C-alpha atoms as a PDB file:
ATOM      1  CA  UNK A   1      13.565 -19.598  13.172  1.00  0.00           C
ATOM      2  CA  UNK A   2      10.037 -18.583  14.951  1.00  0.00           C
ATOM      3  CA  UNK A   3       8.087 -16.265  13.618  1.00  0.00           C
ATOM      4  CA  UNK A   4       7.770 -13.734  16.362  1.00  0.00           C
ATOM      5  CA  UNK A   5      11.940 -13.736  17.091  1.00  0.00           C
ATOM      6  CA  UNK A   6      14.317 -11.342  18.657  1.00  0.00           C
ATOM      7  CA  UNK A   7      15.396 -10.622  15.397  1.00  0.00           C
ATOM      8  CA  UNK A   8      11.865  -9.902  14.195  1.00  0.00           C
ATOM      9  CA  UNK A   9      10.884  -7.147  17.062  1.00  0.00           C
ATOM     10  CA  UNK A  10      14.948  -5.595  16.304  1.00  0.00           C
ATOM     11  CA  UNK A  11      16.050  -6.713  19.822  1.00  0.00           C
ATOM     12  CA  UNK A  12      18.667  -8.422  18.169  1.00  0.00           C
ATOM     13  CA  UNK A  13      20.848  -7.604  14.507  1.00  0.00           C
ATOM     14  CA  UNK A  14      21.430 -10.601  12.580  1.00  0.00           C
ATOM     15  CA  UNK A  15      23.197 -11.323   8.864  1.00  0.00           C
ATOM     16  CA  UNK A  16      21.485 -13.901   7.534  1.00  0.00           C
ATOM     17  CA  UNK A  17      20.021 -12.850   4.289  1.00  0.00           C
ATOM     18  CA  UNK A  18      19.123 -15.933   2.532  1.00  0.00           C
ATOM     19  CA  UNK A  19      18.229 -19.356   3.051  1.00  0.00           C
ATOM     20  CA  UNK A  20      20.785 -21.880   4.327  1.00  0.00           C
ATOM     21  CA  UNK A  21      21.897 -24.496   1.426  1.00  0.00           C
ATOM     22  CA  UNK A  22      20.823 -27.086   3.840  1.00  0.00           C
ATOM     23  CA  UNK A  23      17.191 -25.520   3.557  1.00  0.00           C
ATOM     24  CA  UNK A  24      16.886 -24.594   0.011  1.00  0.00           C
ATOM     25  CA  UNK A  25      13.351 -24.799  -1.254  1.00  0.00           C
ATOM     26  CA  UNK A  26      11.561 -24.793   1.851  1.00  0.00           C
ATOM     27  CA  UNK A  27       9.889 -21.603   3.681  1.00  0.00           C
ATOM     28  CA  UNK A  28      12.502 -20.107   5.705  1.00  0.00           C
ATOM     29  CA  UNK A  29      12.647 -16.772   7.364  1.00  0.00           C
ATOM     30  CA  UNK A  30      15.299 -14.550   7.249  1.00  0.00           C
ATOM     31  CA  UNK A  31      17.381 -11.856   9.554  1.00  0.00           C
ATOM     32  CA  UNK A  32      18.002  -8.867   7.121  1.00  0.00           C
ATOM     33  CA  UNK A  33      15.866  -7.610   4.268  1.00  0.00           C
ATOM     34  CA  UNK A  34      17.727  -6.974   0.622  1.00  0.00           C
ATOM     35  CA  UNK A  35      18.211  -2.800  -0.221  1.00  0.00           C
ATOM     36  CA  UNK A  36      15.589  -3.298  -2.799  1.00  0.00           C
ATOM     37  CA  UNK A  37      13.275  -5.295  -1.148  1.00  0.00           C
ATOM     38  CA  UNK A  38      12.651  -1.310   0.623  1.00  0.00           C
ATOM     39  CA  UNK A  39      12.232   0.247  -2.494  1.00  0.00           C
ATOM     40  CA  UNK A  40       9.395  -2.400  -3.430  1.00  0.00           C
ATOM     41  CA  UNK A  41       7.343  -1.258  -0.242  1.00  0.00           C
ATOM     42  CA  UNK A  42       8.198   2.292  -0.208  1.00  0.00           C
ATOM     43  CA  UNK A  43       6.755   2.202  -4.050  1.00  0.00           C
ATOM     44  CA  UNK A  44       4.048   0.341  -2.556  1.00  0.00           C
ATOM     45  CA  UNK A  45       3.042   2.820   0.453  1.00  0.00           C
ATOM     46  CA  UNK A  46       3.669   5.402  -2.119  1.00  0.00           C
ATOM     47  CA  UNK A  47       1.185   4.650  -4.588  1.00  0.00           C
ATOM     48  CA  UNK A  48      -1.309   3.541  -1.874  1.00  0.00           C
ATOM     49  CA  UNK A  49      -1.209   7.350  -1.151  1.00  0.00           C
ATOM     50  CA  UNK A  50      -1.574   8.095  -4.678  1.00  0.00           C
ATOM     51  CA  UNK A  51      -4.386   5.907  -5.632  1.00  0.00           C
ATOM     52  CA  UNK A  52      -5.949   7.686  -1.872  1.00  0.00           C
ATOM     53  CA  UNK A  53      -4.944  11.090  -3.264  1.00  0.00           C
ATOM     54  CA  UNK A  54      -6.664   9.827  -7.216  1.00  0.00           C
ATOM     55  CA  UNK A  55      -9.773   8.336  -5.554  1.00  0.00           C
ATOM     56  CA  UNK A  56     -10.879  11.827  -3.842  1.00  0.00           C
ATOM     57  CA  UNK A  57     -10.164  13.205  -7.036  1.00  0.00           C
ATOM     58  CA  UNK A  58     -12.674  10.911  -9.088  1.00  0.00           C
ATOM     59  CA  UNK A  59     -15.384  11.064  -6.469  1.00  0.00           C
ATOM     60  CA  UNK A  60     -14.978  14.724  -6.779  1.00  0.00           C
ATOM     61  CA  UNK A  61     -15.892  14.337 -10.631  1.00  0.00           C
ATOM     62  CA  UNK A  62     -19.136  12.189 -10.284  1.00  0.00           C
ATOM     63  CA  UNK A  63     -17.138   9.145  -9.656  1.00  0.00           C
ATOM     64  CA  UNK A  64     -18.203   6.365  -7.145  1.00  0.00           C
ATOM     65  CA  UNK A  65     -16.395   4.226  -4.748  1.00  0.00           C
ATOM     66  CA  UNK A  66     -17.212   0.522  -5.055  1.00  0.00           C
ATOM     67  CA  UNK A  67     -15.920  -0.475  -1.745  1.00  0.00           C
ATOM     68  CA  UNK A  68     -17.683  -0.577   0.483  1.00  0.00           C
ATOM     69  CA  UNK A  69     -15.841  -0.554   4.025  1.00  0.00           C
ATOM     70  CA  UNK A  70     -13.503   2.748   2.056  1.00  0.00           C
ATOM     71  CA  UNK A  71     -17.285   4.234   0.742  1.00  0.00           C
ATOM     72  CA  UNK A  72     -18.306   4.264   4.597  1.00  0.00           C
ATOM     73  CA  UNK A  73     -14.891   6.008   5.632  1.00  0.00           C
ATOM     74  CA  UNK A  74     -15.141   8.329   3.233  1.00  0.00           C
ATOM     75  CA  UNK A  75     -18.480   9.130   4.358  1.00  0.00           C
ATOM     76  CA  UNK A  76     -17.450   9.226   7.914  1.00  0.00           C
ATOM     77  CA  UNK A  77     -14.201  11.652   7.307  1.00  0.00           C
ATOM     78  CA  UNK A  78     -11.254  11.579   4.210  1.00  0.00           C
ATOM     79  CA  UNK A  79      -8.945  11.816   7.217  1.00  0.00           C
ATOM     80  CA  UNK A  80     -10.003   8.424   8.492  1.00  0.00           C
ATOM     81  CA  UNK A  81     -10.423   6.705   4.987  1.00  0.00           C
ATOM     82  CA  UNK A  82      -6.363   8.144   4.172  1.00  0.00           C
ATOM     83  CA  UNK A  83      -5.869   6.896   7.354  1.00  0.00           C
ATOM     84  CA  UNK A  84      -7.193   3.701   7.124  1.00  0.00           C
ATOM     85  CA  UNK A  85      -5.775   2.596   3.446  1.00  0.00           C
ATOM     86  CA  UNK A  86      -2.377   3.978   4.091  1.00  0.00           C
ATOM     87  CA  UNK A  87      -2.949   1.565   7.226  1.00  0.00           C
ATOM     88  CA  UNK A  88      -4.329  -1.613   5.924  1.00  0.00           C
ATOM     89  CA  UNK A  89      -1.525  -1.330   3.583  1.00  0.00           C
ATOM     90  CA  UNK A  90       1.476  -0.614   5.776  1.00  0.00           C
ATOM     91  CA  UNK A  91       0.050  -3.638   7.855  1.00  0.00           C
ATOM     92  CA  UNK A  92      -0.130  -6.020   5.158  1.00  0.00           C
ATOM     93  CA  UNK A  93       3.343  -5.132   3.746  1.00  0.00           C
ATOM     94  CA  UNK A  94       4.647  -5.316   7.252  1.00  0.00           C
ATOM     95  CA  UNK A  95       3.636  -9.282   7.100  1.00  0.00           C
ATOM     96  CA  UNK A  96       4.735  -9.529   3.631  1.00  0.00           C
ATOM     97  CA  UNK A  97       8.434  -8.512   4.275  1.00  0.00           C
ATOM     98  CA  UNK A  98       8.361 -10.888   7.107  1.00  0.00           C
ATOM     99  CA  UNK A  99       7.446 -13.672   5.688  1.00  0.00           C
ATOM    100  CA  UNK A 100       9.378 -12.422   2.360  1.00  0.00           C
ATOM    101  CA  UNK A 101      11.224 -15.851   1.728  1.00  0.00           C
ATOM    102  CA  UNK A 102       7.999 -18.229   2.039  1.00  0.00           C
ATOM    103  CA  UNK A 103       6.704 -20.484  -0.211  1.00  0.00           C
ATOM    104  CA  UNK A 104       3.449 -19.227  -1.768  1.00  0.00           C
ATOM    105  CA  UNK A 105       3.231 -22.592  -4.494  1.00  0.00           C
ATOM    106  CA  UNK A 106       6.534 -24.877  -5.345  1.00  0.00           C
ATOM    107  CA  UNK A 107       8.108 -21.913  -7.650  1.00  0.00           C
ATOM    108  CA  UNK A 108       6.843 -18.809  -6.029  1.00  0.00           C
ATOM    109  CA  UNK A 109       7.787 -16.987  -2.973  1.00  0.00           C
ATOM    110  CA  UNK A 110       5.853 -14.063  -1.709  1.00  0.00           C
ATOM    111  CA  UNK A 111       9.338 -11.648  -2.882  1.00  0.00           C
ATOM    112  CA  UNK A 112       7.398 -12.073  -6.443  1.00  0.00           C
ATOM    113  CA  UNK A 113       3.759 -11.458  -4.697  1.00  0.00           C
ATOM    114  CA  UNK A 114       5.307  -8.208  -3.299  1.00  0.00           C
ATOM    115  CA  UNK A 115       6.267  -7.116  -7.125  1.00  0.00           C
ATOM    116  CA  UNK A 116       3.229  -8.407  -8.621  1.00  0.00           C
ATOM    117  CA  UNK A 117       1.296  -6.136  -6.100  1.00  0.00           C
ATOM    118  CA  UNK A 118       3.482  -3.239  -6.891  1.00  0.00           C
ATOM    119  CA  UNK A 119       3.276  -3.772 -10.473  1.00  0.00           C
ATOM    120  CA  UNK A 120      -0.665  -3.909  -9.605  1.00  0.00           C
ATOM    121  CA  UNK A 121      -0.794  -0.177  -8.467  1.00  0.00           C
ATOM    122  CA  UNK A 122       0.943   1.464 -10.587  1.00  0.00           C
ATOM    123  CA  UNK A 123      -1.475  -0.212 -13.571  1.00  0.00           C
ATOM    124  CA  UNK A 124      -4.001   0.994 -11.059  1.00  0.00           C
ATOM    125  CA  UNK A 125      -2.763   4.296 -10.575  1.00  0.00           C
ATOM    126  CA  UNK A 126      -2.533   4.705 -14.976  1.00  0.00           C
ATOM    127  CA  UNK A 127      -5.839   3.696 -14.925  1.00  0.00           C
ATOM    128  CA  UNK A 128      -6.733   6.535 -12.574  1.00  0.00           C
ATOM    129  CA  UNK A 129      -4.774   9.060 -14.089  1.00  0.00           C
ATOM    130  CA  UNK A 130      -6.610   8.373 -17.339  1.00  0.00           C
ATOM    131  CA  UNK A 131     -10.348   8.870 -15.584  1.00  0.00           C
ATOM    132  CA  UNK A 132      -9.008  12.173 -14.637  1.00  0.00           C
ATOM    133  CA  UNK A 133      -7.962  13.063 -17.814  1.00  0.00           C
ATOM    134  CA  UNK A 134     -11.531  12.052 -19.166  1.00  0.00           C
ATOM    135  CA  UNK A 135     -13.411  14.279 -16.133  1.00  0.00           C
ATOM    136  CA  UNK A 136     -11.355  16.954 -16.789  1.00  0.00           C
ATOM    137  CA  UNK A 137     -12.042  16.250 -21.069  1.00  0.00           C
END
């Protein structure tokens, strides 16, 4: 199935949720996605929003933004910072969902990358909560 097709654009509803037996072990595209994928994507989006809020809290307590692009957005407008951060995260997640079953290496698929991102964001949120507690103590 090509990258842009009637199924990915939502014009037609497909039924393929997994790779065909004939294409096992290769990069494939599917028509439908599993429900747990939506939970993972929503978790990443929620944690990204929490990251934006906690980053602003850390900055209010004397921290500094190390990412020069985000620092430039924060200096311009907080609303722009949050909007661009969530937009970039959403666009990246859309691409990761479309390429859900594509092989990155012999054993690692893009779906594994999404779970790693979810774990990394969870760790980051825990670290930011720790920093905020240090700042308020």
